Amino acid sequence: MSDPARTAVAVSVLAKSEPARMLVLAWPLVGPSLAARALLTEWARLSGLPVRQVERLGAVLRAHQLCREDRTVDPEATRVVNHVAAAYLRATGGKP
């Protein structure tokens, strides 16, 4: 997929979904040996989201390869998450 296409996918999926961004941030922390239900449970714990939401959004993130099987995150997804966080900090004057 080209960079513009990857950027479009990352923005479309992540820009307005805080839960999706939380999943992207937690993905590299999920143990590499986990699979199936254990993976979802751990991803939910690390992201602070309900397992049902992780099932639904995680499937989207993985299908679009924003969260990759090797527990890395697509660089465009990382850029979107960073951009949203920076915009939030600018809007709040740096107050979390």
PDB file of N, CA and C in Angstrom:
ATOM      1  N   MET A   1       0.841  -1.166   0.000  1.00  0.00           N
ATOM      2  CA  MET A   1       0.000   0.000   0.000  1.00  0.00           C
ATOM      3  C   MET A   1       0.897   1.244   0.000  1.00  0.00           C
ATOM      4  N   SER A   2       0.537   2.260  -0.782  1.00  0.00           N
ATOM      5  CA  SER A   2       1.335   3.473  -0.864  1.00  0.00           C
ATOM      6  C   SER A   2       1.222   4.282   0.419  1.00  0.00           C
ATOM      7  N   ASP A   3       2.159   5.183   0.638  1.00  0.00           N
ATOM      8  CA  ASP A   3       2.118   6.016   1.831  1.00  0.00           C
ATOM      9  C   ASP A   3       0.835   6.844   1.922  1.00  0.00           C
ATOM     10  N   PRO A   4       0.384   7.501   0.831  1.00  0.00           N
ATOM     11  CA  PRO A   4      -0.882   8.246   0.939  1.00  0.00           C
ATOM     12  C   PRO A   4      -2.062   7.345   1.312  1.00  0.00           C
ATOM     13  N   ALA A   5      -2.079   6.142   0.772  1.00  0.00           N
ATOM     14  CA  ALA A   5      -3.172   5.218   1.099  1.00  0.00           C
ATOM     15  C   ALA A   5      -3.082   4.775   2.559  1.00  0.00           C
ATOM     16  N   ARG A   6      -1.876   4.489   3.043  1.00  0.00           N
ATOM     17  CA  ARG A   6      -1.698   4.094   4.441  1.00  0.00           C
ATOM     18  C   ARG A   6      -2.088   5.239   5.368  1.00  0.00           C
ATOM     19  N   THR A   7      -1.720   6.446   4.987  1.00  0.00           N
ATOM     20  CA  THR A   7      -2.077   7.614   5.787  1.00  0.00           C
ATOM     21  C   THR A   7      -3.588   7.774   5.843  1.00  0.00           C
ATOM     22  N   ALA A   8      -4.247   7.623   4.698  1.00  0.00           N
ATOM     23  CA  ALA A   8      -5.710   7.746   4.654  1.00  0.00           C
ATOM     24  C   ALA A   8      -6.376   6.711   5.546  1.00  0.00           C
ATOM     25  N   VAL A   9      -5.895   5.481   5.505  1.00  0.00           N
ATOM     26  CA  VAL A   9      -6.469   4.428   6.352  1.00  0.00           C
ATOM     27  C   VAL A   9      -6.239   4.767   7.824  1.00  0.00           C
ATOM     28  N   ALA A  10      -5.029   5.144   8.183  1.00  0.00           N
ATOM     29  CA  ALA A  10      -4.710   5.445   9.578  1.00  0.00           C
ATOM     30  C   ALA A  10      -5.564   6.599  10.101  1.00  0.00           C
ATOM     31  N   VAL A  11      -5.690   7.652   9.308  1.00  0.00           N
ATOM     32  CA  VAL A  11      -6.496   8.794   9.738  1.00  0.00           C
ATOM     33  C   VAL A  11      -7.960   8.400   9.852  1.00  0.00           C
ATOM     34  N   SER A  12      -8.465   7.685   8.866  1.00  0.00           N
ATOM     35  CA  SER A  12      -9.876   7.292   8.877  1.00  0.00           C
ATOM     36  C   SER A  12     -10.221   6.427  10.076  1.00  0.00           C
ATOM     37  N   VAL A  13      -9.340   5.522  10.436  1.00  0.00           N
ATOM     38  CA  VAL A  13      -9.629   4.588  11.526  1.00  0.00           C
ATOM     39  C   VAL A  13      -9.336   5.198  12.901  1.00  0.00           C
ATOM     40  N   LEU A  14      -8.298   6.032  12.994  1.00  0.00           N
ATOM     41  CA  LEU A  14      -7.820   6.459  14.307  1.00  0.00           C
ATOM     42  C   LEU A  14      -8.168   7.885  14.734  1.00  0.00           C
ATOM     43  N   ALA A  15      -8.370   8.778  13.810  1.00  0.00           N
ATOM     44  CA  ALA A  15      -8.470  10.202  14.161  1.00  0.00           C
ATOM     45  C   ALA A  15      -9.568  10.497  15.172  1.00  0.00           C
ATOM     46  N   LYS A  16     -10.711   9.872  15.047  1.00  0.00           N
ATOM     47  CA  LYS A  16     -11.831  10.204  15.932  1.00  0.00           C
ATOM     48  C   LYS A  16     -12.203   9.070  16.883  1.00  0.00           C
ATOM     49  N   SER A  17     -11.315   8.098  17.033  1.00  0.00           N
ATOM     50  CA  SER A  17     -11.615   6.971  17.906  1.00  0.00           C
ATOM     51  C   SER A  17     -10.541   6.819  18.977  1.00  0.00           C
ATOM     52  N   GLU A  18     -10.827   7.361  20.150  1.00  0.00           N
ATOM     53  CA  GLU A  18      -9.879   7.213  21.249  1.00  0.00           C
ATOM     54  C   GLU A  18      -9.648   5.741  21.601  1.00  0.00           C
ATOM     55  N   PRO A  19     -10.689   4.899  21.638  1.00  0.00           N
ATOM     56  CA  PRO A  19     -10.431   3.482  21.923  1.00  0.00           C
ATOM     57  C   PRO A  19      -9.468   2.842  20.912  1.00  0.00           C
ATOM     58  N   ALA A  20      -9.604   3.172  19.632  1.00  0.00           N
ATOM     59  CA  ALA A  20      -8.691   2.615  18.630  1.00  0.00           C
ATOM     60  C   ALA A  20      -7.266   3.097  18.887  1.00  0.00           C
ATOM     61  N   ARG A  21      -7.122   4.353  19.267  1.00  0.00           N
ATOM     62  CA  ARG A  21      -5.775   4.871  19.566  1.00  0.00           C
ATOM     63  C   ARG A  21      -5.194   4.181  20.796  1.00  0.00           C
ATOM     64  N   MET A  22      -6.033   3.908  21.804  1.00  0.00           N
ATOM     65  CA  MET A  22      -5.551   3.198  22.986  1.00  0.00           C
ATOM     66  C   MET A  22      -5.074   1.794  22.624  1.00  0.00           C
ATOM     67  N   LEU A  23      -5.784   1.149  21.702  1.00  0.00           N
ATOM     68  CA  LEU A  23      -5.364  -0.184  21.260  1.00  0.00           C
ATOM     69  C   LEU A  23      -4.030  -0.135  20.528  1.00  0.00           C
ATOM     70  N   VAL A  24      -3.845   0.875  19.699  1.00  0.00           N
ATOM     71  CA  VAL A  24      -2.568   1.032  18.986  1.00  0.00           C
ATOM     72  C   VAL A  24      -1.430   1.213  19.986  1.00  0.00           C
ATOM     73  N   LEU A  25      -1.648   2.036  21.000  1.00  0.00           N
ATOM     74  CA  LEU A  25      -0.603   2.266  22.004  1.00  0.00           C
ATOM     75  C   LEU A  25      -0.283   1.003  22.804  1.00  0.00           C
ATOM     76  N   ALA A  26      -1.287   0.191  23.070  1.00  0.00           N
ATOM     77  CA  ALA A  26      -1.083  -1.015  23.883  1.00  0.00           C
ATOM     78  C   ALA A  26      -0.529  -2.193  23.090  1.00  0.00           C
ATOM     79  N   TRP A  27      -0.719  -2.205  21.775  1.00  0.00           N
ATOM     80  CA  TRP A  27      -0.364  -3.359  20.953  1.00  0.00           C
ATOM     81  C   TRP A  27       1.065  -3.853  21.147  1.00  0.00           C
ATOM     82  N   PRO A  28       2.089  -2.992  21.139  1.00  0.00           N
ATOM     83  CA  PRO A  28       3.461  -3.508  21.311  1.00  0.00           C
ATOM     84  C   PRO A  28       3.718  -4.144  22.676  1.00  0.00           C
ATOM     85  N   LEU A  29       2.849  -3.889  23.642  1.00  0.00           N
ATOM     86  CA  LEU A  29       3.024  -4.443  24.987  1.00  0.00           C
ATOM     87  C   LEU A  29       2.418  -5.831  25.146  1.00  0.00           C
ATOM     88  N   VAL A  30       1.599  -6.241  24.188  1.00  0.00           N
ATOM     89  CA  VAL A  30       0.953  -7.555  24.254  1.00  0.00           C
ATOM     90  C   VAL A  30       2.011  -8.634  24.021  1.00  0.00           C
ATOM     91  N   GLY A  31       2.034  -9.610  24.880  1.00  0.00           N
ATOM     92  CA  GLY A  31       3.030 -10.682  24.783  1.00  0.00           C
ATOM     93  C   GLY A  31       3.015 -11.376  23.430  1.00  0.00           C
ATOM     94  N   PRO A  32       4.183 -11.607  22.848  1.00  0.00           N
ATOM     95  CA  PRO A  32       4.256 -12.197  21.514  1.00  0.00           C
ATOM     96  C   PRO A  32       3.777 -13.642  21.438  1.00  0.00           C
ATOM     97  N   SER A  33       3.751 -14.326  22.552  1.00  0.00           N
ATOM     98  CA  SER A  33       3.342 -15.735  22.525  1.00  0.00           C
ATOM     99  C   SER A  33       1.831 -15.907  22.706  1.00  0.00           C
ATOM    100  N   LEU A  34       1.129 -14.824  22.987  1.00  0.00           N
ATOM    101  CA  LEU A  34      -0.313 -14.925  23.229  1.00  0.00           C
ATOM    102  C   LEU A  34      -1.082 -15.018  21.920  1.00  0.00           C
ATOM    103  N   ALA A  35      -2.167 -15.757  21.954  1.00  0.00           N
ATOM    104  CA  ALA A  35      -3.023 -15.902  20.777  1.00  0.00           C
ATOM    105  C   ALA A  35      -4.469 -16.036  21.239  1.00  0.00           C
ATOM    106  N   ALA A  36      -5.370 -15.832  20.319  1.00  0.00           N
ATOM    107  CA  ALA A  36      -6.807 -16.028  20.518  1.00  0.00           C
ATOM    108  C   ALA A  36      -7.325 -15.257  21.727  1.00  0.00           C
ATOM    109  N   ARG A  37      -8.027 -15.941  22.606  1.00  0.00           N
ATOM    110  CA  ARG A  37      -8.689 -15.267  23.736  1.00  0.00           C
ATOM    111  C   ARG A  37      -7.688 -14.633  24.696  1.00  0.00           C
ATOM    112  N   ALA A  38      -6.562 -15.288  24.926  1.00  0.00           N
ATOM    113  CA  ALA A  38      -5.547 -14.735  25.834  1.00  0.00           C
ATOM    114  C   ALA A  38      -5.000 -13.419  25.286  1.00  0.00           C
ATOM    115  N   LEU A  39      -4.824 -13.345  23.981  1.00  0.00           N
ATOM    116  CA  LEU A  39      -4.348 -12.111  23.342  1.00  0.00           C
ATOM    117  C   LEU A  39      -5.362 -10.990  23.560  1.00  0.00           C
ATOM    118  N   LEU A  40      -6.634 -11.271  23.299  1.00  0.00           N
ATOM    119  CA  LEU A  40      -7.668 -10.254  23.469  1.00  0.00           C
ATOM    120  C   LEU A  40      -7.777  -9.794  24.918  1.00  0.00           C
ATOM    121  N   THR A  41      -7.700 -10.727  25.845  1.00  0.00           N
ATOM    122  CA  THR A  41      -7.801 -10.391  27.258  1.00  0.00           C
ATOM    123  C   THR A  41      -6.641  -9.508  27.698  1.00  0.00           C
ATOM    124  N   GLU A  42      -5.444  -9.844  27.275  1.00  0.00           N
ATOM    125  CA  GLU A  42      -4.266  -9.054  27.629  1.00  0.00           C
ATOM    126  C   GLU A  42      -4.313  -7.677  26.972  1.00  0.00           C
ATOM    127  N   TRP A  43      -4.717  -7.621  25.711  1.00  0.00           N
ATOM    128  CA  TRP A  43      -4.825  -6.349  24.986  1.00  0.00           C
ATOM    129  C   TRP A  43      -5.868  -5.461  25.665  1.00  0.00           C
ATOM    130  N   ALA A  44      -6.962  -6.053  26.106  1.00  0.00           N
ATOM    131  CA  ALA A  44      -7.993  -5.300  26.821  1.00  0.00           C
ATOM    132  C   ALA A  44      -7.441  -4.756  28.137  1.00  0.00           C
ATOM    133  N   ARG A  45      -6.724  -5.574  28.861  1.00  0.00           N
ATOM    134  CA  ARG A  45      -6.153  -5.148  30.143  1.00  0.00           C
ATOM    135  C   ARG A  45      -5.185  -3.990  29.937  1.00  0.00           C
ATOM    136  N   LEU A  46      -4.318  -4.110  28.939  1.00  0.00           N
ATOM    137  CA  LEU A  46      -3.300  -3.090  28.699  1.00  0.00           C
ATOM    138  C   LEU A  46      -3.880  -1.785  28.156  1.00  0.00           C
ATOM    139  N   SER A  47      -4.983  -1.870  27.450  1.00  0.00           N
ATOM    140  CA  SER A  47      -5.591  -0.665  26.869  1.00  0.00           C
ATOM    141  C   SER A  47      -6.661  -0.054  27.763  1.00  0.00           C
ATOM    142  N   GLY A  48      -7.138  -0.818  28.747  1.00  0.00           N
ATOM    143  CA  GLY A  48      -8.187  -0.333  29.619  1.00  0.00           C
ATOM    144  C   GLY A  48      -9.571  -0.366  28.983  1.00  0.00           C
ATOM    145  N   LEU A  49      -9.725  -1.199  27.977  1.00  0.00           N
ATOM    146  CA  LEU A  49     -10.990  -1.306  27.254  1.00  0.00           C
ATOM    147  C   LEU A  49     -11.641  -2.661  27.503  1.00  0.00           C
ATOM    148  N   PRO A  50     -12.967  -2.738  27.340  1.00  0.00           N
ATOM    149  CA  PRO A  50     -13.647  -4.029  27.471  1.00  0.00           C
ATOM    150  C   PRO A  50     -13.240  -4.997  26.348  1.00  0.00           C
ATOM    151  N   VAL A  51     -13.218  -6.268  26.662  1.00  0.00           N
ATOM    152  CA  VAL A  51     -12.814  -7.282  25.687  1.00  0.00           C
ATOM    153  C   VAL A  51     -13.662  -7.208  24.416  1.00  0.00           C
ATOM    154  N   ARG A  52     -14.964  -6.974  24.554  1.00  0.00           N
ATOM    155  CA  ARG A  52     -15.849  -6.899  23.374  1.00  0.00           C
ATOM    156  C   ARG A  52     -15.402  -5.794  22.417  1.00  0.00           C
ATOM    157  N   GLN A  53     -15.011  -4.656  22.983  1.00  0.00           N
ATOM    158  CA  GLN A  53     -14.549  -3.544  22.162  1.00  0.00           C
ATOM    159  C   GLN A  53     -13.212  -3.872  21.505  1.00  0.00           C
ATOM    160  N   VAL A  54     -12.356  -4.576  22.222  1.00  0.00           N
ATOM    161  CA  VAL A  54     -11.073  -4.993  21.675  1.00  0.00           C
ATOM    162  C   VAL A  54     -11.290  -5.972  20.523  1.00  0.00           C
ATOM    163  N   GLU A  55     -12.236  -6.879  20.687  1.00  0.00           N
ATOM    164  CA  GLU A  55     -12.554  -7.818  19.603  1.00  0.00           C
ATOM    165  C   GLU A  55     -12.929  -7.065  18.332  1.00  0.00           C
ATOM    166  N   ARG A  56     -13.821  -6.093  18.485  1.00  0.00           N
ATOM    167  CA  ARG A  56     -14.353  -5.374  17.326  1.00  0.00           C
ATOM    168  C   ARG A  56     -13.304  -4.441  16.705  1.00  0.00           C
ATOM    169  N   LEU A  57     -12.721  -3.562  17.511  1.00  0.00           N
ATOM    170  CA  LEU A  57     -11.755  -2.605  16.975  1.00  0.00           C
ATOM    171  C   LEU A  57     -10.420  -3.262  16.629  1.00  0.00           C
ATOM    172  N   GLY A  58     -10.025  -4.238  17.424  1.00  0.00           N
ATOM    173  CA  GLY A  58      -8.771  -4.940  17.149  1.00  0.00           C
ATOM    174  C   GLY A  58      -8.794  -5.632  15.802  1.00  0.00           C
ATOM    175  N   ALA A  59      -9.927  -6.196  15.453  1.00  0.00           N
ATOM    176  CA  ALA A  59     -10.055  -6.842  14.148  1.00  0.00           C
ATOM    177  C   ALA A  59      -9.861  -5.834  13.020  1.00  0.00           C
ATOM    178  N   VAL A  60     -10.388  -4.639  13.188  1.00  0.00           N
ATOM    179  CA  VAL A  60     -10.225  -3.584  12.175  1.00  0.00           C
ATOM    180  C   VAL A  60      -8.761  -3.168  12.083  1.00  0.00           C
ATOM    181  N   LEU A  61      -8.144  -2.925  13.227  1.00  0.00           N
ATOM    182  CA  LEU A  61      -6.742  -2.491  13.237  1.00  0.00           C
ATOM    183  C   LEU A  61      -5.816  -3.536  12.619  1.00  0.00           C
ATOM    184  N   ARG A  62      -6.083  -4.783  12.901  1.00  0.00           N
ATOM    185  CA  ARG A  62      -5.244  -5.851  12.354  1.00  0.00           C
ATOM    186  C   ARG A  62      -5.534  -6.079  10.871  1.00  0.00           C
ATOM    187  N   ALA A  63      -6.800  -5.983  10.461  1.00  0.00           N
ATOM    188  CA  ALA A  63      -7.146  -6.176   9.051  1.00  0.00           C
ATOM    189  C   ALA A  63      -6.504  -5.108   8.171  1.00  0.00           C
ATOM    190  N   HIS A  64      -6.420  -3.896   8.688  1.00  0.00           N
ATOM    191  CA  HIS A  64      -5.797  -2.801   7.936  1.00  0.00           C
ATOM    192  C   HIS A  64      -4.289  -2.739   8.166  1.00  0.00           C
ATOM    193  N   GLN A  65      -3.771  -3.682   8.908  1.00  0.00           N
ATOM    194  CA  GLN A  65      -2.354  -3.800   9.224  1.00  0.00           C
ATOM    195  C   GLN A  65      -1.796  -2.564   9.921  1.00  0.00           C
ATOM    196  N   LEU A  66      -2.650  -1.908  10.711  1.00  0.00           N
ATOM    197  CA  LEU A  66      -2.164  -0.825  11.558  1.00  0.00           C
ATOM    198  C   LEU A  66      -1.490  -1.421  12.791  1.00  0.00           C
ATOM    199  N   CYS A  67      -2.021  -2.539  13.278  1.00  0.00           N
ATOM    200  CA  CYS A  67      -1.387  -3.353  14.308  1.00  0.00           C
ATOM    201  C   CYS A  67      -0.981  -4.651  13.624  1.00  0.00           C
ATOM    202  N   ARG A  68       0.308  -4.894  13.594  1.00  0.00           N
ATOM    203  CA  ARG A  68       0.847  -6.031  12.842  1.00  0.00           C
ATOM    204  C   ARG A  68       1.057  -7.245  13.740  1.00  0.00           C
ATOM    205  N   GLU A  69       1.067  -8.406  13.104  1.00  0.00           N
ATOM    206  CA  GLU A  69       1.199  -9.670  13.843  1.00  0.00           C
ATOM    207  C   GLU A  69       2.473  -9.744  14.687  1.00  0.00           C
ATOM    208  N   ASP A  70       3.545  -9.072  14.262  1.00  0.00           N
ATOM    209  CA  ASP A  70       4.807  -9.117  15.014  1.00  0.00           C
ATOM    210  C   ASP A  70       4.826  -8.128  16.187  1.00  0.00           C
ATOM    211  N   ARG A  71       3.658  -7.585  16.526  1.00  0.00           N
ATOM    212  CA  ARG A  71       3.440  -6.645  17.630  1.00  0.00           C
ATOM    213  C   ARG A  71       4.057  -5.270  17.358  1.00  0.00           C
ATOM    214  N   THR A  72       4.270  -4.940  16.097  1.00  0.00           N
ATOM    215  CA  THR A  72       4.669  -3.587  15.741  1.00  0.00           C
ATOM    216  C   THR A  72       3.433  -2.827  15.264  1.00  0.00           C
ATOM    217  N   VAL A  73       3.580  -1.522  15.196  1.00  0.00           N
ATOM    218  CA  VAL A  73       2.500  -0.646  14.754  1.00  0.00           C
ATOM    219  C   VAL A  73       2.959   0.060  13.489  1.00  0.00           C
ATOM    220  N   ASP A  74       2.063   0.178  12.523  1.00  0.00           N
ATOM    221  CA  ASP A  74       2.366   0.873  11.292  1.00  0.00           C
ATOM    222  C   ASP A  74       2.825   2.299  11.617  1.00  0.00           C
ATOM    223  N   PRO A  75       3.905   2.769  10.986  1.00  0.00           N
ATOM    224  CA  PRO A  75       4.398   4.115  11.273  1.00  0.00           C
ATOM    225  C   PRO A  75       3.362   5.214  11.040  1.00  0.00           C
ATOM    226  N   GLU A  76       2.493   5.041  10.062  1.00  0.00           N
ATOM    227  CA  GLU A  76       1.454   6.048   9.823  1.00  0.00           C
ATOM    228  C   GLU A  76       0.472   6.086  10.992  1.00  0.00           C
ATOM    229  N   ALA A  77       0.170   4.947  11.559  1.00  0.00           N
ATOM    230  CA  ALA A  77      -0.716   4.902  12.723  1.00  0.00           C
ATOM    231  C   ALA A  77      -0.068   5.627  13.897  1.00  0.00           C
ATOM    232  N   THR A  78       1.212   5.417  14.079  1.00  0.00           N
ATOM    233  CA  THR A  78       1.939   6.104  15.148  1.00  0.00           C
ATOM    234  C   THR A  78       1.910   7.609  14.939  1.00  0.00           C
ATOM    235  N   ARG A  79       2.080   8.046  13.699  1.00  0.00           N
ATOM    236  CA  ARG A  79       2.033   9.477  13.406  1.00  0.00           C
ATOM    237  C   ARG A  79       0.663  10.076  13.730  1.00  0.00           C
ATOM    238  N   VAL A  80      -0.387   9.356  13.384  1.00  0.00           N
ATOM    239  CA  VAL A  80      -1.742   9.854  13.674  1.00  0.00           C
ATOM    240  C   VAL A  80      -1.940   9.966  15.181  1.00  0.00           C
ATOM    241  N   VAL A  81      -1.567   8.950  15.929  1.00  0.00           N
ATOM    242  CA  VAL A  81      -1.723   8.978  17.383  1.00  0.00           C
ATOM    243  C   VAL A  81      -0.915  10.141  17.964  1.00  0.00           C
ATOM    244  N   ASN A  82       0.313  10.322  17.502  1.00  0.00           N
ATOM    245  CA  ASN A  82       1.144  11.435  17.984  1.00  0.00           C
ATOM    246  C   ASN A  82       0.509  12.781  17.648  1.00  0.00           C
ATOM    247  N   HIS A  83      -0.022  12.909  16.445  1.00  0.00           N
ATOM    248  CA  HIS A  83      -0.652  14.157  16.013  1.00  0.00           C
ATOM    249  C   HIS A  83      -1.865  14.484  16.882  1.00  0.00           C
ATOM    250  N   VAL A  84      -2.705  13.499  17.137  1.00  0.00           N
ATOM    251  CA  VAL A  84      -3.896  13.723  17.966  1.00  0.00           C
ATOM    252  C   VAL A  84      -3.481  14.119  19.382  1.00  0.00           C
ATOM    253  N   ALA A  85      -2.473  13.471  19.918  1.00  0.00           N
ATOM    254  CA  ALA A  85      -1.999  13.801  21.263  1.00  0.00           C
ATOM    255  C   ALA A  85      -1.440  15.225  21.302  1.00  0.00           C
ATOM    256  N   ALA A  86      -0.668  15.599  20.293  1.00  0.00           N
ATOM    257  CA  ALA A  86      -0.107  16.954  20.233  1.00  0.00           C
ATOM    258  C   ALA A  86      -1.220  17.996  20.112  1.00  0.00           C
ATOM    259  N   ALA A  87      -2.230  17.722  19.307  1.00  0.00           N
ATOM    260  CA  ALA A  87      -3.352  18.650  19.154  1.00  0.00           C
ATOM    261  C   ALA A  87      -4.088  18.816  20.485  1.00  0.00           C
ATOM    262  N   TYR A  88      -4.253  17.730  21.207  1.00  0.00           N
ATOM    263  CA  TYR A  88      -4.904  17.785  22.513  1.00  0.00           C
ATOM    264  C   TYR A  88      -4.094  18.655  23.471  1.00  0.00           C
ATOM    265  N   LEU A  89      -2.788  18.464  23.491  1.00  0.00           N
ATOM    266  CA  LEU A  89      -1.941  19.249  24.391  1.00  0.00           C
ATOM    267  C   LEU A  89      -1.958  20.733  24.021  1.00  0.00           C
ATOM    268  N   ARG A  90      -1.964  21.040  22.737  1.00  0.00           N
ATOM    269  CA  ARG A  90      -2.051  22.448  22.319  1.00  0.00           C
ATOM    270  C   ARG A  90      -3.384  23.055  22.758  1.00  0.00           C
ATOM    271  N   ALA A  91      -4.458  22.313  22.590  1.00  0.00           N
ATOM    272  CA  ALA A  91      -5.790  22.819  22.926  1.00  0.00           C
ATOM    273  C   ALA A  91      -5.979  23.014  24.425  1.00  0.00           C
ATOM    274  N   THR A  92      -5.299  22.230  25.219  1.00  0.00           N
ATOM    275  CA  THR A  92      -5.464  22.318  26.674  1.00  0.00           C
ATOM    276  C   THR A  92      -4.317  23.087  27.335  1.00  0.00           C
ATOM    277  N   GLY A  93      -3.463  23.664  26.531  1.00  0.00           N
ATOM    278  CA  GLY A  93      -2.337  24.396  27.096  1.00  0.00           C
ATOM    279  C   GLY A  93      -1.316  23.499  27.761  1.00  0.00           C
ATOM    280  N   GLY A  94      -1.249  22.252  27.334  1.00  0.00           N
ATOM    281  CA  GLY A  94      -0.284  21.303  27.881  1.00  0.00           C
ATOM    282  C   GLY A  94      -0.733  20.623  29.142  1.00  0.00           C
ATOM    283  N   LYS A  95      -1.994  20.835  29.535  1.00  0.00           N
ATOM    284  CA  LYS A  95      -2.515  20.192  30.741  1.00  0.00           C
ATOM    285  C   LYS A  95      -3.208  18.895  30.384  1.00  0.00           C
ATOM    286  N   PRO A  96      -2.739  17.763  30.887  1.00  0.00           N
ATOM    287  CA  PRO A  96      -3.372  16.481  30.549  1.00  0.00           C
ATOM    288  C   PRO A  96      -4.789  16.355  31.034  1.00  0.00           C
TER     289      PRO A  96
END
